[in-house]
Amino acid sequence: MTSIHAQYPNVRERIINLPNFDQKPIHYGYFLGLNQYDFKFEYIQNYYSELRYKDIAVTQKKGFSVGLIGDLRVNEYINLRFEPGLFYNSRALNYPEYPAFSKESDQLREIKSTYIHLPLLVKLSTKRINNFKPFILGGISTDFNLSSNRKNSDDNASNVFRTVSQHLNYELGVGFDFYLFYFKFSPSLRGLFSLENELIPDNDPQSPWTSKINALFSRGIALIITFE
């Protein structure tokens, strides 16, 4: 029988890269990425009705992420992943003109965060299509903030904004696996949402920086590129 290539000499067979990659029970890799964080505020009860203040504005700045990957195959469509990494970011709080502020610099607080990020994720993938496979993922993570100032006795009166040193998050994401000749390349977009109040109140109960806030939660978005 004459082969298809003999009949159609210009037809090229598609090359499947790393055909047995997904059959490995365990594999490793690393990731690089960019991130951007915001804050969600929960204000005191009369903040809007009686005080008539505006929201505290957050200036978001881009940060970077780097870390390692450990992947455990459950079946053809499900993987468990542990992705410990370092997330660095900076945000600035722009306060309204509270009467207690005596100078313009009182309205600005810059918050730098260096997170040791420890997520446990479930990755749900579709069936592989040639050298391409979409996926979604989700899970929980904990962050250890090395820049929290939790143990600092100074507070906002000395221009020191304090947050807790550890909090829990949930994560959701979507991405694509691309199988290249030597490795698998996977970009994904992820949302990170804190589940715990991160604010440490100032020493003064009437502090204009913290007394009007009941709770403070981080929210972030990250572009993660993995190499496996």
Protein backbone atom coordinates (compact mmCIF):
# COMPACT_ATOMS: atom_id res chain seq x y z
CA MET A 1 0.00 0.00 0.00
CA THR A 2 1.35 3.39 -0.94
CA SER A 3 1.95 5.61 2.15
CA ILE A 4 0.39 9.03 2.53
CA HIS A 5 3.85 10.60 2.28
CA ALA A 6 4.37 8.91 -1.08
CA GLN A 7 1.03 10.16 -2.32
CA TYR A 8 1.47 13.65 -0.87
CA PRO A 9 5.20 14.35 -0.59
CA ASN A 10 4.65 17.87 0.82
CA VAL A 11 2.70 16.62 3.87
CA ARG A 12 4.92 16.71 7.02
CA GLU A 13 4.23 14.54 10.05
CA ARG A 14 3.76 16.56 13.25
CA ILE A 15 6.56 15.95 15.75
CA ILE A 16 5.37 15.16 19.29
CA ASN A 17 7.80 16.59 21.84
CA LEU A 18 8.39 14.83 25.17
CA PRO A 19 5.78 12.10 24.46
CA ASN A 20 6.27 10.35 27.83
CA PHE A 21 6.68 13.44 30.02
CA ASP A 22 3.24 13.20 31.66
CA GLN A 23 3.75 9.55 32.58
CA LYS A 24 6.40 10.36 35.18
CA PRO A 25 5.02 9.90 38.73
CA ILE A 26 7.12 12.80 40.07
CA HIS A 27 8.96 15.61 38.34
CA TYR A 28 10.55 18.91 39.29
CA GLY A 29 11.14 22.36 37.89
CA TYR A 30 11.32 26.03 38.68
CA PHE A 31 9.33 29.17 37.99
CA LEU A 32 9.79 32.89 37.39
CA GLY A 33 7.10 35.53 37.38
CA LEU A 34 5.68 38.97 37.97
CA ASN A 35 3.11 39.93 40.59
CA GLN A 36 0.99 42.89 41.62
CA TYR A 37 -0.79 43.22 44.97
CA ASP A 38 -3.70 45.27 46.25
CA PHE A 39 -5.43 45.56 49.64
CA LYS A 40 -9.06 44.98 50.54
CA PHE A 41 -10.19 47.16 53.47
CA GLU A 42 -12.97 46.59 55.96
CA TYR A 43 -13.65 49.92 57.68
CA ILE A 44 -15.28 50.72 61.01
CA GLN A 45 -19.06 50.83 60.94
CA ASN A 46 -19.57 54.59 60.69
CA TYR A 47 -16.66 55.29 58.34
CA TYR A 48 -18.88 56.35 55.43
CA SER A 49 -22.13 57.43 57.09
CA GLU A 50 -20.78 59.67 59.86
CA LEU A 51 -17.16 60.35 59.02
CA ARG A 52 -17.84 60.75 55.27
CA TYR A 53 -14.33 59.77 54.32
CA LYS A 54 -13.16 58.40 51.00
CA ASP A 55 -11.58 54.98 50.62
CA ILE A 56 -7.90 54.59 51.31
CA ALA A 57 -6.31 54.35 47.86
CA VAL A 58 -3.65 51.76 47.07
CA THR A 59 -0.87 52.41 44.58
CA GLN A 60 0.03 49.01 43.17
CA LYS A 61 3.57 48.29 42.05
CA LYS A 62 4.92 45.36 40.10
CA GLY A 63 7.00 42.79 41.94
CA PHE A 64 8.77 39.57 41.02
CA SER A 65 8.46 35.91 41.96
CA VAL A 66 10.88 33.00 41.83
CA GLY A 67 10.71 29.45 43.17
CA LEU A 68 10.80 25.68 42.74
CA ILE A 69 8.22 23.08 41.68
CA GLY A 70 7.44 19.58 42.85
CA ASP A 71 4.73 17.76 40.87
CA LEU A 72 3.01 14.47 41.78
CA ARG A 73 0.95 12.72 39.09
CA VAL A 74 -2.40 11.40 40.36
CA ASN A 75 -3.82 10.35 37.00
CA GLU A 76 -3.93 11.56 33.39
CA TYR A 77 -5.83 14.72 34.30
CA ILE A 78 -4.94 15.52 37.93
CA ASN A 79 -1.62 16.56 39.49
CA LEU A 80 -0.74 17.74 42.98
CA ARG A 81 1.85 20.51 43.07
CA PHE A 82 3.99 22.14 45.73
CA GLU A 83 5.54 25.41 44.55
CA PRO A 84 7.63 27.07 47.31
CA GLY A 85 8.87 30.48 46.26
CA LEU A 86 9.85 34.03 47.11
CA PHE A 87 7.40 36.82 46.21
CA TYR A 88 8.59 40.41 46.52
CA ASN A 89 6.21 43.35 46.20
CA SER A 90 5.63 46.95 47.28
CA ARG A 91 2.39 48.90 47.78
CA ALA A 92 1.65 52.45 48.87
CA LEU A 93 -1.36 53.54 50.92
CA ASN A 94 -2.73 56.99 50.13
CA TYR A 95 -4.94 58.15 53.01
CA PRO A 96 -7.69 60.80 52.73
CA GLU A 97 -7.15 64.12 54.50
CA TYR A 98 -8.01 63.07 58.02
CA PRO A 99 -8.14 66.00 60.50
CA ALA A 100 -5.52 64.28 62.69
CA PHE A 101 -2.86 64.53 59.99
CA SER A 102 -0.58 67.50 60.57
CA LYS A 103 1.49 67.23 57.37
CA GLU A 104 1.12 65.88 53.88
CA SER A 105 3.58 63.02 54.42
CA ASP A 106 1.19 61.54 57.03
CA GLN A 107 -1.14 60.56 54.18
CA LEU A 108 1.38 58.21 52.56
CA ARG A 109 2.58 54.85 53.85
CA GLU A 110 4.72 52.52 51.75
CA ILE A 111 4.43 48.82 52.53
CA LYS A 112 7.13 46.48 51.27
CA SER A 113 6.45 42.77 51.41
CA THR A 114 8.84 39.85 51.03
CA TYR A 115 6.80 36.67 51.15
CA ILE A 116 8.02 33.11 51.54
CA HIS A 117 5.12 31.64 49.60
CA LEU A 118 4.15 27.99 50.22
CA PRO A 119 1.20 26.80 48.09
CA LEU A 120 -0.33 23.34 47.76
CA LEU A 121 -2.22 23.23 44.46
CA VAL A 122 -4.40 20.85 42.47
CA LYS A 123 -3.83 21.07 38.72
CA LEU A 124 -6.69 19.89 36.46
CA SER A 125 -5.67 19.40 32.83
CA THR A 126 -7.46 18.48 29.62
CA LYS A 127 -6.27 15.78 27.27
CA ARG A 128 -3.05 16.71 25.50
CA ILE A 129 -3.48 18.12 21.99
CA ASN A 130 -0.21 17.55 20.10
CA ASN A 131 2.26 19.78 22.00
CA PHE A 132 -0.33 21.86 23.84
CA LYS A 133 -2.56 21.36 26.89
CA PRO A 134 -4.72 23.89 28.82
CA PHE A 135 -5.26 23.58 32.57
CA ILE A 136 -6.82 25.21 35.62
CA LEU A 137 -5.48 25.05 39.14
CA GLY A 138 -6.49 25.99 42.66
CA GLY A 139 -5.53 25.44 46.25
CA ILE A 140 -4.40 27.02 49.48
CA SER A 141 -1.16 28.68 50.47
CA THR A 142 0.50 30.29 53.44
CA ASP A 143 2.73 33.36 53.32
CA PHE A 144 5.49 34.26 55.75
CA ASN A 145 6.13 37.98 55.41
CA LEU A 146 9.77 38.78 56.21
CA SER A 147 9.00 42.52 56.00
CA SER A 148 5.94 42.59 58.26
CA ASN A 149 7.49 44.70 61.10
CA ARG A 150 5.38 42.62 63.50
CA LYS A 151 7.98 42.72 66.28
CA ASN A 152 8.80 46.38 65.78
CA SER A 153 7.79 48.50 68.78
CA ASP A 154 7.50 51.56 66.51
CA ASP A 155 4.28 52.11 64.60
CA ASN A 156 2.80 54.64 62.17
CA ALA A 157 3.65 57.50 64.51
CA SER A 158 7.23 56.70 63.46
CA ASN A 159 6.25 55.92 59.85
CA VAL A 160 6.23 52.14 60.44
CA PHE A 161 3.19 50.25 59.12
CA ARG A 162 2.90 46.81 60.74
CA THR A 163 1.24 43.64 59.44
CA VAL A 164 1.12 40.05 60.65
CA SER A 165 4.01 37.81 59.73
CA GLN A 166 1.90 34.89 58.48
CA HIS A 167 -1.47 34.47 56.79
CA LEU A 168 -3.44 31.96 54.71
CA ASN A 169 -4.65 32.43 51.12
CA TYR A 170 -6.66 30.65 48.50
CA GLU A 171 -5.48 30.64 44.88
CA LEU A 172 -7.10 30.17 41.49
CA GLY A 173 -5.44 30.12 38.10
CA VAL A 174 -5.57 29.18 34.45
CA GLY A 175 -2.74 28.39 32.05
CA PHE A 176 -1.31 26.34 29.19
CA ASP A 177 1.36 23.67 28.91
CA PHE A 178 3.62 23.87 25.86
CA TYR A 179 5.82 20.84 25.20
CA LEU A 180 9.09 21.95 23.68
CA PHE A 181 11.96 19.77 22.46
CA TYR A 182 13.87 19.71 25.77
CA PHE A 183 11.39 20.88 28.44
CA LYS A 184 7.81 21.88 29.20
CA PHE A 185 7.05 25.59 29.27
CA SER A 186 3.86 26.71 31.08
CA PRO A 187 2.61 30.29 31.51
CA SER A 188 -0.32 30.80 33.90
CA LEU A 189 -2.29 33.69 35.36
CA ARG A 190 -3.21 33.36 39.04
CA GLY A 191 -5.23 35.19 41.63
CA LEU A 192 -4.22 35.16 45.31
CA PHE A 193 -6.67 36.12 48.05
CA SER A 194 -5.85 36.40 51.75
CA LEU A 195 -8.24 34.69 54.19
CA GLU A 196 -6.98 36.40 57.35
CA ASN A 197 -6.78 39.95 58.69
CA GLU A 198 -3.20 41.18 58.27
CA LEU A 199 -3.40 44.48 60.14
CA ILE A 200 -1.58 45.08 63.41
CA PRO A 201 -3.16 48.17 65.05
CA ASP A 202 -0.98 51.03 66.23
CA ASN A 203 -0.20 51.45 69.91
CA ASP A 204 -2.54 54.43 70.12
CA PRO A 205 -6.19 53.22 69.94
CA GLN A 206 -7.11 56.52 68.24
CA SER A 207 -4.39 56.29 65.61
CA PRO A 208 -5.65 57.83 62.34
CA TRP A 209 -3.75 55.20 60.35
CA THR A 210 -5.32 52.07 61.88
CA SER A 211 -8.27 53.01 64.13
CA LYS A 212 -10.62 53.41 61.13
CA ILE A 213 -9.77 49.96 59.71
CA ASN A 214 -11.32 46.77 61.08
CA ALA A 215 -9.46 44.40 58.79
CA LEU A 216 -6.97 44.38 55.95
CA PHE A 217 -6.61 41.61 53.35
CA SER A 218 -4.07 41.19 50.55
CA ARG A 219 -5.25 40.45 47.05
CA GLY A 220 -2.81 39.75 44.26
CA ILE A 221 -2.44 38.68 40.66
CA ALA A 222 0.61 36.82 39.41
CA LEU A 223 1.92 35.84 35.99
CA ILE A 224 3.89 32.65 36.58
CA ILE A 225 6.08 30.95 33.97
CA THR A 226 7.22 27.43 34.84
CA PHE A 227 10.01 25.34 33.32
CA GLU A 228 9.81 21.59 33.92
